[in-house]
Amino acid sequence: MGTAADTAATAAAIAAERRELADFFETLTPLQWAAPSLCAGWRVREVVAHMSMGFRYPTARILAELLKARGSLHRTTDRLARKDAAAHSDAELAAFLRIHAHHPWKPPVGGLVAALGHDVVHGLDVTVALGLDRTVPEDRLRTLLDAVDPRAFRVFGTDLTGVRLCADDLDWSFGTGAPLYGRGQDLLLVAYGRRLPAGRLRGDEVHRFVTA
């Protein structure tokens, strides 16, 4: 179990990540807001709307939406993201992250580190898809890489069978098998089940982890 200092550091990292992403999203053009993200079926708008869903909807509302979706969290989040993306302006969607920078929301599993992962990975879903180079601060990235857990792979649709993730910009690896090389933040996306644009990863099994 982490110390109080660890908890405080993670909470501070979450707040900083949300503020920095809010600043970043405010620089996007209308065409970029409407562009596809790495999240299948979602534009940048839906991703950013989804990022603040946990701050803006009380638990009772989420449970009611789950009932409507017959218990499917995927259908629930998809419907709410599309609704909110249509209802709010670009500036409002970005501002939700800044306004709620210190919100204590956490995913059902994983605690504050999972909350940090939610923000960082969805931020990368946007920046990587748009071809924009935002470097995740190393302390946040290392926290998330050290927390990669195969028990979550089923949730993310991740299949690393026979593959070892090997960061070429910091000292980190995960798994066993044929090495897959890339920046640590790109490998984090792989661990979260994302397929990346060609040219960001190297290795004999790279074809499994890039977009068609």
N, C-alpha and C. Protein backbone atom coordinates (compact mmCIF):
# COMPACT_ATOMS: atom_id res chain seq x y z
N MET A 1 0.85 -1.19 0.00
CA MET A 1 0.00 0.00 0.00
C MET A 1 0.88 1.24 0.00
N GLY A 2 0.52 2.27 -0.79
CA GLY A 2 1.30 3.47 -0.88
C GLY A 2 1.21 4.31 0.37
N THR A 3 2.20 5.17 0.56
CA THR A 3 2.21 6.07 1.70
C THR A 3 1.34 7.29 1.42
N ALA A 4 1.12 8.07 2.48
CA ALA A 4 0.36 9.31 2.31
C ALA A 4 1.07 10.23 1.33
N ALA A 5 2.40 10.21 1.35
CA ALA A 5 3.17 11.04 0.43
C ALA A 5 2.96 10.58 -1.01
N ASP A 6 2.90 9.25 -1.22
CA ASP A 6 2.64 8.72 -2.57
C ASP A 6 1.27 9.17 -3.06
N THR A 7 0.28 9.08 -2.17
CA THR A 7 -1.08 9.48 -2.53
C THR A 7 -1.14 10.95 -2.90
N ALA A 8 -0.48 11.77 -2.11
CA ALA A 8 -0.47 13.21 -2.37
C ALA A 8 0.25 13.51 -3.69
N ALA A 9 1.33 12.79 -3.97
CA ALA A 9 2.07 13.02 -5.21
C ALA A 9 1.24 12.62 -6.42
N THR A 10 0.51 11.52 -6.31
CA THR A 10 -0.32 11.08 -7.42
C THR A 10 -1.47 12.06 -7.65
N ALA A 11 -2.08 12.53 -6.57
CA ALA A 11 -3.16 13.52 -6.70
C ALA A 11 -2.65 14.80 -7.36
N ALA A 12 -1.45 15.21 -6.99
CA ALA A 12 -0.86 16.41 -7.60
C ALA A 12 -0.57 16.18 -9.08
N ALA A 13 -0.11 14.98 -9.42
CA ALA A 13 0.17 14.66 -10.82
C ALA A 13 -1.11 14.67 -11.64
N ILE A 14 -2.20 14.16 -11.08
CA ILE A 14 -3.49 14.16 -11.76
C ILE A 14 -3.94 15.59 -12.04
N ALA A 15 -3.87 16.44 -11.03
CA ALA A 15 -4.29 17.83 -11.19
C ALA A 15 -3.46 18.53 -12.26
N ALA A 16 -2.14 18.30 -12.24
CA ALA A 16 -1.27 18.93 -13.23
C ALA A 16 -1.59 18.42 -14.63
N GLU A 17 -1.82 17.12 -14.75
CA GLU A 17 -2.14 16.54 -16.07
C GLU A 17 -3.43 17.14 -16.62
N ARG A 18 -4.44 17.28 -15.79
CA ARG A 18 -5.71 17.83 -16.26
C ARG A 18 -5.57 19.28 -16.68
N ARG A 19 -4.83 20.07 -15.91
CA ARG A 19 -4.64 21.47 -16.27
C ARG A 19 -3.85 21.60 -17.57
N GLU A 20 -2.80 20.80 -17.71
CA GLU A 20 -1.99 20.87 -18.92
C GLU A 20 -2.78 20.42 -20.15
N LEU A 21 -3.58 19.38 -20.00
CA LEU A 21 -4.39 18.93 -21.12
C LEU A 21 -5.46 19.96 -21.48
N ALA A 22 -6.05 20.59 -20.47
CA ALA A 22 -7.03 21.65 -20.75
C ALA A 22 -6.38 22.75 -21.57
N ASP A 23 -5.18 23.17 -21.18
CA ASP A 23 -4.46 24.19 -21.95
C ASP A 23 -4.20 23.72 -23.37
N PHE A 24 -3.81 22.46 -23.50
CA PHE A 24 -3.51 21.91 -24.82
C PHE A 24 -4.76 21.85 -25.69
N PHE A 25 -5.85 21.33 -25.14
CA PHE A 25 -7.08 21.20 -25.94
C PHE A 25 -7.59 22.55 -26.41
N GLU A 26 -7.34 23.59 -25.64
CA GLU A 26 -7.80 24.92 -26.03
C GLU A 26 -7.06 25.45 -27.25
N THR A 27 -5.94 24.84 -27.62
CA THR A 27 -5.19 25.28 -28.80
C THR A 27 -5.67 24.58 -30.08
N LEU A 28 -6.53 23.58 -29.96
CA LEU A 28 -6.95 22.82 -31.12
C LEU A 28 -7.90 23.61 -32.00
N THR A 29 -7.82 23.35 -33.29
CA THR A 29 -8.72 23.98 -34.25
C THR A 29 -10.02 23.19 -34.33
N PRO A 30 -11.08 23.78 -34.88
CA PRO A 30 -12.33 23.03 -35.06
C PRO A 30 -12.14 21.74 -35.86
N LEU A 31 -11.27 21.75 -36.86
CA LEU A 31 -11.02 20.54 -37.63
C LEU A 31 -10.36 19.46 -36.77
N GLN A 32 -9.47 19.87 -35.87
CA GLN A 32 -8.83 18.89 -34.98
C GLN A 32 -9.82 18.33 -33.97
N TRP A 33 -10.71 19.15 -33.47
CA TRP A 33 -11.74 18.66 -32.55
C TRP A 33 -12.62 17.61 -33.23
N ALA A 34 -12.79 17.73 -34.52
CA ALA A 34 -13.66 16.81 -35.26
C ALA A 34 -12.92 15.62 -35.85
N ALA A 35 -11.60 15.54 -35.63
CA ALA A 35 -10.79 14.47 -36.20
C ALA A 35 -10.92 13.18 -35.40
N PRO A 36 -10.67 12.03 -36.03
CA PRO A 36 -10.71 10.75 -35.30
C PRO A 36 -9.61 10.68 -34.24
N SER A 37 -9.91 9.98 -33.15
CA SER A 37 -8.92 9.73 -32.10
C SER A 37 -8.47 8.27 -32.19
N LEU A 38 -7.63 7.85 -31.26
CA LEU A 38 -7.26 6.43 -31.21
C LEU A 38 -8.37 5.56 -30.63
N CYS A 39 -9.39 6.17 -30.01
CA CYS A 39 -10.53 5.42 -29.49
C CYS A 39 -11.48 5.15 -30.64
N ALA A 40 -11.66 3.90 -30.98
CA ALA A 40 -12.46 3.53 -32.14
C ALA A 40 -13.86 4.14 -32.08
N GLY A 41 -14.23 4.87 -33.13
CA GLY A 41 -15.56 5.44 -33.23
C GLY A 41 -15.72 6.80 -32.58
N TRP A 42 -14.70 7.26 -31.88
CA TRP A 42 -14.78 8.56 -31.21
C TRP A 42 -13.86 9.57 -31.88
N ARG A 43 -14.41 10.77 -32.09
CA ARG A 43 -13.59 11.90 -32.49
C ARG A 43 -12.88 12.46 -31.24
N VAL A 44 -12.04 13.44 -31.46
CA VAL A 44 -11.42 14.11 -30.33
C VAL A 44 -12.48 14.64 -29.37
N ARG A 45 -13.58 15.17 -29.90
CA ARG A 45 -14.65 15.74 -29.07
C ARG A 45 -15.20 14.71 -28.08
N GLU A 46 -15.47 13.51 -28.56
CA GLU A 46 -16.03 12.49 -27.67
C GLU A 46 -15.03 12.07 -26.59
N VAL A 47 -13.75 11.99 -26.97
CA VAL A 47 -12.74 11.61 -25.99
C VAL A 47 -12.67 12.65 -24.86
N VAL A 48 -12.60 13.92 -25.23
CA VAL A 48 -12.48 14.97 -24.22
C VAL A 48 -13.75 15.05 -23.37
N ALA A 49 -14.91 14.87 -24.00
CA ALA A 49 -16.16 14.84 -23.23
C ALA A 49 -16.15 13.69 -22.23
N HIS A 50 -15.69 12.54 -22.68
CA HIS A 50 -15.65 11.36 -21.80
C HIS A 50 -14.70 11.57 -20.61
N MET A 51 -13.61 12.28 -20.83
CA MET A 51 -12.61 12.44 -19.78
C MET A 51 -13.16 13.08 -18.51
N SER A 52 -14.19 13.93 -18.65
CA SER A 52 -14.75 14.60 -17.47
C SER A 52 -16.10 14.02 -17.04
N MET A 53 -16.49 12.91 -17.63
CA MET A 53 -17.79 12.32 -17.31
C MET A 53 -17.90 11.99 -15.82
N GLY A 54 -16.84 11.43 -15.26
CA GLY A 54 -16.88 11.03 -13.85
C GLY A 54 -16.99 12.20 -12.89
N PHE A 55 -16.61 13.39 -13.35
CA PHE A 55 -16.70 14.58 -12.49
C PHE A 55 -18.11 15.16 -12.50
N ARG A 56 -18.78 15.03 -13.63
CA ARG A 56 -20.01 15.80 -13.86
C ARG A 56 -21.29 15.01 -13.60
N TYR A 57 -21.19 13.69 -13.55
CA TYR A 57 -22.38 12.87 -13.35
C TYR A 57 -22.34 12.19 -11.97
N PRO A 58 -23.35 12.38 -11.16
CA PRO A 58 -23.39 11.68 -9.87
C PRO A 58 -23.56 10.18 -10.07
N THR A 59 -23.16 9.44 -9.07
CA THR A 59 -23.22 7.97 -9.16
C THR A 59 -24.62 7.48 -9.51
N ALA A 60 -25.65 8.09 -8.93
CA ALA A 60 -27.02 7.66 -9.19
C ALA A 60 -27.36 7.79 -10.67
N ARG A 61 -26.88 8.86 -11.31
CA ARG A 61 -27.15 9.05 -12.74
C ARG A 61 -26.43 7.99 -13.57
N ILE A 62 -25.20 7.69 -13.22
CA ILE A 62 -24.46 6.66 -13.95
C ILE A 62 -25.15 5.31 -13.82
N LEU A 63 -25.62 4.99 -12.62
CA LEU A 63 -26.32 3.71 -12.42
C LEU A 63 -27.59 3.66 -13.24
N ALA A 64 -28.31 4.78 -13.32
CA ALA A 64 -29.53 4.83 -14.13
C ALA A 64 -29.19 4.63 -15.61
N GLU A 65 -28.09 5.24 -16.07
CA GLU A 65 -27.69 5.08 -17.46
C GLU A 65 -27.25 3.63 -17.73
N LEU A 66 -26.61 3.01 -16.75
CA LEU A 66 -26.22 1.61 -16.90
C LEU A 66 -27.44 0.71 -17.06
N LEU A 67 -28.48 0.99 -16.30
CA LEU A 67 -29.71 0.22 -16.44
C LEU A 67 -30.30 0.36 -17.83
N LYS A 68 -30.29 1.59 -18.36
CA LYS A 68 -30.79 1.81 -19.72
C LYS A 68 -29.98 1.01 -20.75
N ALA A 69 -28.69 0.88 -20.46
CA ALA A 69 -27.79 0.19 -21.39
C ALA A 69 -27.69 -1.30 -21.07
N ARG A 70 -28.60 -1.81 -20.25
CA ARG A 70 -28.64 -3.23 -19.88
C ARG A 70 -27.31 -3.70 -19.28
N GLY A 71 -26.72 -2.81 -18.45
CA GLY A 71 -25.52 -3.18 -17.73
C GLY A 71 -24.22 -3.00 -18.48
N SER A 72 -24.27 -2.48 -19.70
CA SER A 72 -23.06 -2.33 -20.50
C SER A 72 -22.40 -0.98 -20.21
N LEU A 73 -21.22 -1.04 -19.60
CA LEU A 73 -20.48 0.21 -19.34
C LEU A 73 -20.05 0.85 -20.64
N HIS A 74 -19.68 0.03 -21.62
CA HIS A 74 -19.25 0.56 -22.91
C HIS A 74 -20.37 1.37 -23.57
N ARG A 75 -21.57 0.81 -23.61
CA ARG A 75 -22.69 1.54 -24.23
C ARG A 75 -23.02 2.80 -23.43
N THR A 76 -22.91 2.71 -22.11
CA THR A 76 -23.19 3.87 -21.27
C THR A 76 -22.22 5.01 -21.56
N THR A 77 -20.92 4.71 -21.52
CA THR A 77 -19.94 5.77 -21.75
C THR A 77 -20.01 6.31 -23.17
N ASP A 78 -20.30 5.44 -24.13
CA ASP A 78 -20.41 5.89 -25.51
C ASP A 78 -21.58 6.87 -25.67
N ARG A 79 -22.73 6.52 -25.12
CA ARG A 79 -23.90 7.38 -25.26
C ARG A 79 -23.69 8.73 -24.58
N LEU A 80 -23.12 8.72 -23.38
CA LEU A 80 -22.91 9.97 -22.67
C LEU A 80 -21.85 10.84 -23.36
N ALA A 81 -20.79 10.21 -23.87
CA ALA A 81 -19.76 10.97 -24.57
C ALA A 81 -20.32 11.65 -25.81
N ARG A 82 -21.13 10.92 -26.55
CA ARG A 82 -21.72 11.51 -27.77
C ARG A 82 -22.70 12.62 -27.41
N LYS A 83 -23.48 12.42 -26.36
CA LYS A 83 -24.44 13.45 -25.95
C LYS A 83 -23.72 14.71 -25.51
N ASP A 84 -22.69 14.55 -24.68
CA ASP A 84 -21.98 15.71 -24.15
C ASP A 84 -21.16 16.40 -25.23
N ALA A 85 -20.60 15.63 -26.17
CA ALA A 85 -19.83 16.23 -27.25
C ALA A 85 -20.72 17.13 -28.12
N ALA A 86 -21.98 16.73 -28.25
CA ALA A 86 -22.91 17.54 -29.05
C ALA A 86 -23.46 18.73 -28.28
N ALA A 87 -23.49 18.62 -26.94
CA ALA A 87 -24.15 19.65 -26.13
C ALA A 87 -23.22 20.78 -25.71
N HIS A 88 -21.90 20.57 -25.76
CA HIS A 88 -20.97 21.56 -25.22
C HIS A 88 -20.00 22.04 -26.29
N SER A 89 -19.56 23.27 -26.13
CA SER A 89 -18.59 23.85 -27.05
C SER A 89 -17.20 23.29 -26.78
N ASP A 90 -16.29 23.56 -27.73
CA ASP A 90 -14.90 23.15 -27.54
C ASP A 90 -14.34 23.71 -26.24
N ALA A 91 -14.56 25.00 -26.02
CA ALA A 91 -14.03 25.66 -24.83
C ALA A 91 -14.59 25.05 -23.55
N GLU A 92 -15.87 24.72 -23.56
CA GLU A 92 -16.50 24.12 -22.38
C GLU A 92 -15.91 22.75 -22.09
N LEU A 93 -15.73 21.94 -23.13
CA LEU A 93 -15.18 20.60 -22.93
C LEU A 93 -13.78 20.66 -22.34
N ALA A 94 -12.95 21.58 -22.83
CA ALA A 94 -11.60 21.73 -22.28
C ALA A 94 -11.66 22.25 -20.85
N ALA A 95 -12.55 23.20 -20.60
CA ALA A 95 -12.61 23.83 -19.27
C ALA A 95 -13.05 22.86 -18.19
N PHE A 96 -13.85 21.85 -18.55
CA PHE A 96 -14.28 20.87 -17.54
C PHE A 96 -13.07 20.24 -16.85
N LEU A 97 -11.99 20.00 -17.59
CA LEU A 97 -10.81 19.38 -17.00
C LEU A 97 -10.11 20.34 -16.04
N ARG A 98 -10.04 21.60 -16.42
CA ARG A 98 -9.38 22.57 -15.54
C ARG A 98 -10.20 22.81 -14.28
N ILE A 99 -11.51 23.00 -14.45
CA ILE A 99 -12.39 23.26 -13.32
C ILE A 99 -12.33 22.12 -12.30
N HIS A 100 -12.20 20.90 -12.81
CA HIS A 100 -12.23 19.72 -11.95
C HIS A 100 -10.84 19.10 -11.77
N ALA A 101 -9.81 19.92 -11.87
CA ALA A 101 -8.44 19.39 -11.78
C ALA A 101 -8.20 18.60 -10.50
N HIS A 102 -8.82 19.02 -9.40
CA HIS A 102 -8.60 18.36 -8.11
C HIS A 102 -9.75 17.43 -7.71
N HIS A 103 -10.62 17.11 -8.67
CA HIS A 103 -11.74 16.23 -8.34
C HIS A 103 -11.21 14.85 -7.94
N PRO A 104 -11.75 14.24 -6.87
CA PRO A 104 -11.22 12.97 -6.37
C PRO A 104 -11.73 11.73 -7.09
N TRP A 105 -12.36 11.89 -8.25
CA TRP A 105 -12.91 10.73 -8.98
C TRP A 105 -11.84 9.67 -9.22
N LYS A 106 -12.25 8.42 -9.08
CA LYS A 106 -11.39 7.28 -9.39
C LYS A 106 -12.21 6.25 -10.15
N PRO A 107 -11.61 5.51 -11.07
CA PRO A 107 -12.31 4.40 -11.72
C PRO A 107 -12.71 3.35 -10.68
N PRO A 108 -13.63 2.45 -11.03
CA PRO A 108 -14.07 1.43 -10.06
C PRO A 108 -12.93 0.57 -9.53
N VAL A 109 -11.88 0.37 -10.36
CA VAL A 109 -10.74 -0.45 -9.95
C VAL A 109 -9.46 0.33 -10.23
N GLY A 110 -8.52 0.29 -9.28
CA GLY A 110 -7.21 0.86 -9.55
C GLY A 110 -6.86 2.12 -8.80
N GLY A 111 -7.82 2.75 -8.15
CA GLY A 111 -7.52 3.90 -7.31
C GLY A 111 -6.99 5.10 -8.07
N LEU A 112 -6.21 5.92 -7.39
CA LEU A 112 -5.71 7.16 -7.97
C LEU A 112 -4.77 6.93 -9.15
N VAL A 113 -3.98 5.87 -9.10
CA VAL A 113 -3.09 5.60 -10.23
C VAL A 113 -3.90 5.32 -11.49
N ALA A 114 -5.01 4.60 -11.34
CA ALA A 114 -5.88 4.35 -12.48
C ALA A 114 -6.51 5.65 -12.98
N ALA A 115 -6.81 6.57 -12.07
CA ALA A 115 -7.34 7.87 -12.47
C ALA A 115 -6.30 8.64 -13.28
N LEU A 116 -5.05 8.59 -12.85
CA LEU A 116 -3.98 9.22 -13.62
C LEU A 116 -3.86 8.57 -14.99
N GLY A 117 -3.94 7.24 -15.03
CA GLY A 117 -3.87 6.54 -16.30
C GLY A 117 -5.00 6.93 -17.24
N HIS A 118 -6.18 7.12 -16.69
CA HIS A 118 -7.34 7.53 -17.49
C HIS A 118 -7.04 8.85 -18.18
N ASP A 119 -6.50 9.81 -17.45
CA ASP A 119 -6.21 11.12 -18.02
C ASP A 119 -5.07 11.06 -19.03
N VAL A 120 -3.97 10.41 -18.66
CA VAL A 120 -2.80 10.37 -19.53
C VAL A 120 -3.11 9.63 -20.83
N VAL A 121 -3.72 8.47 -20.73
CA VAL A 121 -3.96 7.66 -21.93
C VAL A 121 -4.95 8.34 -22.86
N HIS A 122 -6.02 8.91 -22.31
CA HIS A 122 -6.96 9.59 -23.20
C HIS A 122 -6.34 10.85 -23.81
N GLY A 123 -5.45 11.51 -23.06
CA GLY A 123 -4.73 12.62 -23.67
C GLY A 123 -3.90 12.16 -24.85
N LEU A 124 -3.23 11.02 -24.71
CA LEU A 124 -2.45 10.45 -25.81
C LEU A 124 -3.35 9.95 -26.94
N ASP A 125 -4.55 9.50 -26.62
CA ASP A 125 -5.50 9.11 -27.67
C ASP A 125 -5.73 10.27 -28.64
N VAL A 126 -5.66 11.48 -28.10
CA VAL A 126 -5.86 12.67 -28.92
C VAL A 126 -4.57 13.08 -29.61
N THR A 127 -3.51 13.27 -28.84
CA THR A 127 -2.29 13.84 -29.41
C THR A 127 -1.65 12.91 -30.45
N VAL A 128 -1.61 11.62 -30.17
CA VAL A 128 -1.01 10.68 -31.13
C VAL A 128 -1.84 10.62 -32.40
N ALA A 129 -3.15 10.56 -32.26
CA ALA A 129 -4.00 10.50 -33.45
C ALA A 129 -3.85 11.75 -34.32
N LEU A 130 -3.64 12.89 -33.68
CA LEU A 130 -3.48 14.14 -34.43
C LEU A 130 -2.06 14.37 -34.92
N GLY A 131 -1.14 13.50 -34.53
CA GLY A 131 0.25 13.67 -34.93
C GLY A 131 0.94 14.80 -34.22
N LEU A 132 0.48 15.13 -33.02
CA LEU A 132 1.06 16.22 -32.23
C LEU A 132 1.92 15.62 -31.11
N ASP A 133 3.08 16.19 -30.91
CA ASP A 133 4.05 15.59 -29.99
C ASP A 133 3.96 16.23 -28.62
N ARG A 134 3.17 15.65 -27.74
CA ARG A 134 3.15 16.05 -26.34
C ARG A 134 3.85 14.96 -25.53
N THR A 135 4.89 15.34 -24.83
CA THR A 135 5.64 14.39 -24.02
C THR A 135 5.06 14.34 -22.61
N VAL A 136 4.64 13.17 -22.18
CA VAL A 136 4.14 12.99 -20.83
C VAL A 136 5.31 13.11 -19.86
N PRO A 137 5.20 13.93 -18.82
CA PRO A 137 6.30 14.04 -17.85
C PRO A 137 6.73 12.67 -17.32
N GLU A 138 8.03 12.49 -17.18
CA GLU A 138 8.57 11.16 -16.88
C GLU A 138 8.05 10.59 -15.57
N ASP A 139 7.86 11.43 -14.55
CA ASP A 139 7.39 10.89 -13.27
C ASP A 139 5.99 10.29 -13.41
N ARG A 140 5.13 10.94 -14.16
CA ARG A 140 3.79 10.39 -14.38
C ARG A 140 3.86 9.11 -15.22
N LEU A 141 4.69 9.15 -16.24
CA LEU A 141 4.80 7.99 -17.12
C LEU A 141 5.34 6.78 -16.37
N ARG A 142 6.36 6.97 -15.54
CA ARG A 142 6.93 5.85 -14.79
C ARG A 142 5.91 5.28 -13.80
N THR A 143 5.13 6.14 -13.18
CA THR A 143 4.09 5.65 -12.27
C THR A 143 3.15 4.71 -12.99
N LEU A 144 2.77 5.06 -14.20
CA LEU A 144 1.81 4.26 -14.95
C LEU A 144 2.45 3.00 -15.53
N LEU A 145 3.66 3.12 -16.03
CA LEU A 145 4.34 1.93 -16.57
C LEU A 145 4.58 0.90 -15.47
N ASP A 146 4.96 1.37 -14.29
CA ASP A 146 5.21 0.45 -13.17
C ASP A 146 3.92 -0.22 -12.69
N ALA A 147 2.76 0.37 -13.05
CA ALA A 147 1.48 -0.17 -12.60
C ALA A 147 0.79 -1.02 -13.67
N VAL A 148 1.44 -1.23 -14.82
CA VAL A 148 0.84 -2.07 -15.86
C VAL A 148 0.54 -3.45 -15.28
N ASP A 149 -0.71 -3.87 -15.42
CA ASP A 149 -1.19 -5.09 -14.76
C ASP A 149 -1.95 -5.95 -15.76
N PRO A 150 -1.45 -7.16 -16.03
CA PRO A 150 -2.14 -8.03 -17.00
C PRO A 150 -3.57 -8.37 -16.62
N ARG A 151 -3.94 -8.20 -15.35
CA ARG A 151 -5.32 -8.48 -14.96
C ARG A 151 -6.29 -7.50 -15.60
N ALA A 152 -5.78 -6.34 -16.04
CA ALA A 152 -6.64 -5.34 -16.68
C ALA A 152 -6.69 -5.50 -18.20
N PHE A 153 -5.89 -6.40 -18.76
CA PHE A 153 -5.81 -6.50 -20.21
C PHE A 153 -7.14 -6.89 -20.84
N ARG A 154 -7.92 -7.69 -20.15
CA ARG A 154 -9.21 -8.10 -20.70
C ARG A 154 -10.13 -6.88 -20.88
N VAL A 155 -10.07 -5.96 -19.92
CA VAL A 155 -10.89 -4.75 -20.00
C VAL A 155 -10.49 -3.91 -21.22
N PHE A 156 -9.18 -3.81 -21.47
CA PHE A 156 -8.69 -2.96 -22.55
C PHE A 156 -8.60 -3.68 -23.89
N GLY A 157 -8.81 -4.99 -23.90
CA GLY A 157 -8.66 -5.74 -25.15
C GLY A 157 -7.20 -5.90 -25.55
N THR A 158 -6.31 -5.95 -24.55
CA THR A 158 -4.87 -6.04 -24.80
C THR A 158 -4.43 -7.49 -24.95
N ASP A 159 -3.63 -7.78 -25.99
CA ASP A 159 -3.06 -9.12 -26.17
C ASP A 159 -1.56 -8.97 -26.41
N LEU A 160 -0.78 -9.25 -25.36
CA LEU A 160 0.67 -9.17 -25.47
C LEU A 160 1.31 -10.55 -25.49
N THR A 161 0.55 -11.55 -25.90
CA THR A 161 1.08 -12.91 -25.96
C THR A 161 2.34 -12.95 -26.84
N GLY A 162 3.43 -13.45 -26.26
CA GLY A 162 4.66 -13.61 -27.01
C GLY A 162 5.39 -12.31 -27.32
N VAL A 163 5.08 -11.26 -26.57
CA VAL A 163 5.70 -9.95 -26.85
C VAL A 163 6.26 -9.36 -25.56
N ARG A 164 7.42 -8.77 -25.67
CA ARG A 164 8.02 -8.03 -24.56
C ARG A 164 8.11 -6.57 -24.95
N LEU A 165 7.44 -5.70 -24.18
CA LEU A 165 7.50 -4.27 -24.43
C LEU A 165 8.82 -3.73 -23.90
N CYS A 166 9.56 -2.99 -24.73
CA CYS A 166 10.88 -2.48 -24.37
C CYS A 166 10.96 -1.00 -24.70
N ALA A 167 10.96 -0.16 -23.68
CA ALA A 167 11.06 1.28 -23.91
C ALA A 167 12.47 1.63 -24.36
N ASP A 168 12.57 2.47 -25.38
CA ASP A 168 13.90 2.86 -25.85
C ASP A 168 14.29 4.27 -25.39
N ASP A 169 13.45 4.88 -24.53
CA ASP A 169 13.79 6.19 -24.01
C ASP A 169 13.90 6.20 -22.48
N LEU A 170 13.67 5.06 -21.85
CA LEU A 170 13.87 4.93 -20.41
C LEU A 170 14.01 3.45 -20.07
N ASP A 171 14.44 3.16 -18.85
CA ASP A 171 14.74 1.79 -18.45
C ASP A 171 13.46 1.11 -17.98
N TRP A 172 12.74 0.48 -18.92
CA TRP A 172 11.50 -0.22 -18.58
C TRP A 172 11.20 -1.27 -19.63
N SER A 173 10.76 -2.42 -19.16
CA SER A 173 10.27 -3.46 -20.06
C SER A 173 9.18 -4.24 -19.34
N PHE A 174 8.39 -4.96 -20.15
CA PHE A 174 7.29 -5.73 -19.58
C PHE A 174 6.99 -6.90 -20.49
N GLY A 175 6.78 -8.08 -19.89
CA GLY A 175 6.38 -9.25 -20.65
C GLY A 175 7.56 -10.09 -21.10
N THR A 176 7.26 -11.13 -21.87
CA THR A 176 8.28 -12.03 -22.39
C THR A 176 7.97 -12.35 -23.84
N GLY A 177 9.04 -12.50 -24.62
CA GLY A 177 8.85 -12.85 -26.01
C GLY A 177 9.61 -11.92 -26.93
N ALA A 178 9.14 -11.77 -28.15
CA ALA A 178 9.78 -10.92 -29.14
C ALA A 178 9.72 -9.46 -28.70
N PRO A 179 10.83 -8.74 -28.70
CA PRO A 179 10.81 -7.35 -28.24
C PRO A 179 10.04 -6.43 -29.18
N LEU A 180 9.24 -5.55 -28.57
CA LEU A 180 8.56 -4.48 -29.30
C LEU A 180 9.09 -3.18 -28.73
N TYR A 181 9.78 -2.41 -29.57
CA TYR A 181 10.46 -1.20 -29.11
C TYR A 181 9.64 0.05 -29.43
N GLY A 182 9.73 1.04 -28.54
CA GLY A 182 9.08 2.32 -28.77
C GLY A 182 9.27 3.22 -27.57
N ARG A 183 8.82 4.44 -27.69
CA ARG A 183 8.85 5.35 -26.54
C ARG A 183 7.97 4.77 -25.44
N GLY A 184 8.34 5.07 -24.20
CA GLY A 184 7.56 4.56 -23.09
C GLY A 184 6.09 4.92 -23.19
N GLN A 185 5.78 6.14 -23.60
CA GLN A 185 4.37 6.54 -23.64
C GLN A 185 3.62 5.85 -24.77
N ASP A 186 4.32 5.49 -25.84
CA ASP A 186 3.66 4.71 -26.90
C ASP A 186 3.41 3.28 -26.44
N LEU A 187 4.36 2.72 -25.69
CA LEU A 187 4.16 1.37 -25.17
C LEU A 187 3.06 1.34 -24.12
N LEU A 188 2.89 2.44 -23.39
CA LEU A 188 1.77 2.53 -22.45
C LEU A 188 0.45 2.41 -23.20
N LEU A 189 0.36 3.06 -24.35
CA LEU A 189 -0.85 2.94 -25.17
C LEU A 189 -1.07 1.49 -25.62
N VAL A 190 0.00 0.82 -26.00
CA VAL A 190 -0.12 -0.60 -26.38
C VAL A 190 -0.67 -1.41 -25.22
N ALA A 191 -0.16 -1.15 -24.01
CA ALA A 191 -0.62 -1.88 -22.83
C ALA A 191 -2.09 -1.61 -22.54
N TYR A 192 -2.58 -0.45 -22.98
CA TYR A 192 -3.99 -0.11 -22.82
C TYR A 192 -4.82 -0.50 -24.04
N GLY A 193 -4.28 -1.36 -24.88
CA GLY A 193 -5.05 -1.93 -25.98
C GLY A 193 -5.18 -1.07 -27.21
N ARG A 194 -4.38 -0.01 -27.32
CA ARG A 194 -4.48 0.87 -28.49
C ARG A 194 -3.62 0.36 -29.64
N ARG A 195 -4.08 0.66 -30.86
CA ARG A 195 -3.26 0.48 -32.06
C ARG A 195 -2.73 1.85 -32.47
N LEU A 196 -1.46 1.92 -32.80
CA LEU A 196 -0.80 3.19 -33.07
C LEU A 196 -0.56 3.39 -34.56
N PRO A 197 -0.39 4.64 -34.99
CA PRO A 197 -0.01 4.89 -36.38
C PRO A 197 1.35 4.24 -36.69
N ALA A 198 1.55 3.86 -37.94
CA ALA A 198 2.81 3.25 -38.35
C ALA A 198 3.98 4.19 -38.08
N GLY A 199 5.13 3.59 -37.76
CA GLY A 199 6.35 4.36 -37.58
C GLY A 199 6.70 4.67 -36.13
N ARG A 200 5.80 4.35 -35.20
CA ARG A 200 6.07 4.66 -33.79
C ARG A 200 6.62 3.47 -33.02
N LEU A 201 6.51 2.28 -33.57
CA LEU A 201 6.96 1.06 -32.91
C LEU A 201 7.88 0.28 -33.84
N ARG A 202 8.76 -0.55 -33.24
CA ARG A 202 9.66 -1.39 -34.01
C ARG A 202 9.69 -2.80 -33.42
N GLY A 203 9.79 -3.79 -34.28
CA GLY A 203 9.88 -5.17 -33.81
C GLY A 203 9.21 -6.13 -34.78
N ASP A 204 9.53 -7.41 -34.63
CA ASP A 204 8.98 -8.41 -35.54
C ASP A 204 7.46 -8.52 -35.46
N GLU A 205 6.88 -8.19 -34.29
CA GLU A 205 5.43 -8.31 -34.11
C GLU A 205 4.71 -6.96 -34.23
N VAL A 206 5.38 -5.98 -34.80
CA VAL A 206 4.81 -4.64 -34.84
C VAL A 206 3.46 -4.59 -35.56
N HIS A 207 3.27 -5.48 -36.52
CA HIS A 207 2.03 -5.49 -37.31
C HIS A 207 0.79 -5.68 -36.43
N ARG A 208 0.95 -6.27 -35.26
CA ARG A 208 -0.18 -6.53 -34.37
C ARG A 208 -0.65 -5.27 -33.65
N PHE A 209 0.16 -4.22 -33.67
CA PHE A 209 -0.11 -3.08 -32.79
C PHE A 209 -0.19 -1.75 -33.54
N VAL A 210 -0.34 -1.81 -34.85
CA VAL A 210 -0.47 -0.58 -35.64
C VAL A 210 -1.81 -0.58 -36.36
N THR A 211 -2.26 0.62 -36.68
CA THR A 211 -3.51 0.76 -37.42
C THR A 211 -3.34 0.27 -38.84
N ALA A 212 -4.42 -0.23 -39.38
CA ALA A 212 -4.36 -0.77 -40.76
C ALA A 212 -4.13 0.35 -41.76
